[in-house]
Amino acid sequence: MQDDEYERARKRVDELKGFYIHLSVFVMVNFTLFLINLLSSPGIWWFYWITVFWGIGVI
């Protein structure tokens, strides 16, 4: 009984850890893309397409 509870808790922690890792990568990559977009073509904003579709995946 106690082992089942432990396994469920461990699984939940692993899922949350995976989500926060994915979210961190999402933020870092999209910030980098924003900077690249800002420096290379400031009048044409293309980075937000990646952010929107990847953001849907994160949600």
C-alpha atoms as a PDB file:
ATOM      1  CA  MET A   1       0.000   0.000   0.000  1.00  0.00           C
ATOM      2  CA  GLN A   2       2.690   2.465   0.957  1.00  0.00           C
ATOM      3  CA  ASP A   3       4.792   1.466  -2.066  1.00  0.00           C
ATOM      4  CA  ASP A   4       1.895   2.290  -4.396  1.00  0.00           C
ATOM      5  CA  GLU A   5       1.555   5.745  -2.880  1.00  0.00           C
ATOM      6  CA  TYR A   6       5.292   6.293  -3.181  1.00  0.00           C
ATOM      7  CA  GLU A   7       5.293   5.235  -6.850  1.00  0.00           C
ATOM      8  CA  ARG A   8       2.366   7.525  -7.667  1.00  0.00           C
ATOM      9  CA  ALA A   9       4.066  10.434  -5.910  1.00  0.00           C
ATOM     10  CA  ARG A  10       7.367   9.723  -7.688  1.00  0.00           C
ATOM     11  CA  LYS A  11       5.607   9.540 -11.042  1.00  0.00           C
ATOM     12  CA  ARG A  12       3.870  12.869 -10.378  1.00  0.00           C
ATOM     13  CA  VAL A  13       7.164  14.514  -9.408  1.00  0.00           C
ATOM     14  CA  ASP A  14       8.810  13.151 -12.575  1.00  0.00           C
ATOM     15  CA  GLU A  15       5.946  14.523 -14.693  1.00  0.00           C
ATOM     16  CA  LEU A  16       6.198  17.958 -13.078  1.00  0.00           C
ATOM     17  CA  LYS A  17       9.971  17.951 -13.460  1.00  0.00           C
ATOM     18  CA  GLY A  18       9.627  17.114 -17.154  1.00  0.00           C
ATOM     19  CA  PHE A  19       7.084  19.895 -17.641  1.00  0.00           C
ATOM     20  CA  TYR A  20       9.296  22.511 -15.987  1.00  0.00           C
ATOM     21  CA  ILE A  21      12.314  21.403 -18.021  1.00  0.00           C
ATOM     22  CA  HIS A  22      10.256  21.695 -21.217  1.00  0.00           C
ATOM     23  CA  LEU A  23       8.926  25.088 -20.130  1.00  0.00           C
ATOM     24  CA  SER A  24      12.467  26.342 -19.391  1.00  0.00           C
ATOM     25  CA  VAL A  25      13.698  25.222 -22.805  1.00  0.00           C
ATOM     26  CA  PHE A  26      10.637  26.852 -24.398  1.00  0.00           C
ATOM     27  CA  VAL A  27      11.384  30.204 -22.742  1.00  0.00           C
ATOM     28  CA  MET A  28      15.119  30.134 -23.510  1.00  0.00           C
ATOM     29  CA  VAL A  29      14.720  29.108 -27.160  1.00  0.00           C
ATOM     30  CA  ASN A  30      11.963  31.609 -27.834  1.00  0.00           C
ATOM     31  CA  PHE A  31      13.893  34.428 -26.186  1.00  0.00           C
ATOM     32  CA  THR A  32      16.888  33.533 -28.376  1.00  0.00           C
ATOM     33  CA  LEU A  33      14.670  33.497 -31.456  1.00  0.00           C
ATOM     34  CA  PHE A  34      13.279  36.884 -30.445  1.00  0.00           C
ATOM     35  CA  LEU A  35      16.794  38.312 -30.232  1.00  0.00           C
ATOM     36  CA  ILE A  36      17.758  36.800 -33.588  1.00  0.00           C
ATOM     37  CA  ASN A  37      14.604  38.225 -35.150  1.00  0.00           C
ATOM     38  CA  LEU A  38      15.211  41.634 -33.565  1.00  0.00           C
ATOM     39  CA  LEU A  39      18.781  41.818 -34.845  1.00  0.00           C
ATOM     40  CA  SER A  40      18.270  40.300 -38.301  1.00  0.00           C
ATOM     41  CA  SER A  41      14.914  41.691 -39.447  1.00  0.00           C
ATOM     42  CA  PRO A  42      13.328  44.038 -36.903  1.00  0.00           C
ATOM     43  CA  GLY A  43      10.438  45.064 -39.167  1.00  0.00           C
ATOM     44  CA  ILE A  44       9.262  41.534 -39.920  1.00  0.00           C
ATOM     45  CA  TRP A  45       8.245  39.538 -36.845  1.00  0.00           C
ATOM     46  CA  TRP A  46       8.400  35.819 -37.514  1.00  0.00           C
ATOM     47  CA  PHE A  47       9.511  34.439 -34.127  1.00  0.00           C
ATOM     48  CA  TYR A  48       6.007  34.588 -32.663  1.00  0.00           C
ATOM     49  CA  TRP A  49       4.738  31.866 -35.037  1.00  0.00           C
ATOM     50  CA  ILE A  50       7.108  29.401 -33.444  1.00  0.00           C
ATOM     51  CA  THR A  51       6.206  30.675 -29.992  1.00  0.00           C
ATOM     52  CA  VAL A  52       2.463  30.351 -30.630  1.00  0.00           C
ATOM     53  CA  PHE A  53       2.520  26.827 -32.024  1.00  0.00           C
ATOM     54  CA  TRP A  54       5.065  25.522 -29.541  1.00  0.00           C
ATOM     55  CA  GLY A  55       3.115  27.255 -26.763  1.00  0.00           C
ATOM     56  CA  ILE A  56       0.006  25.344 -27.798  1.00  0.00           C
ATOM     57  CA  GLY A  57       2.055  22.163 -27.454  1.00  0.00           C
ATOM     58  CA  VAL A  58       3.261  23.170 -24.000  1.00  0.00           C
ATOM     59  CA  ILE A  59      -0.261  23.937 -22.817  1.00  0.00           C
END
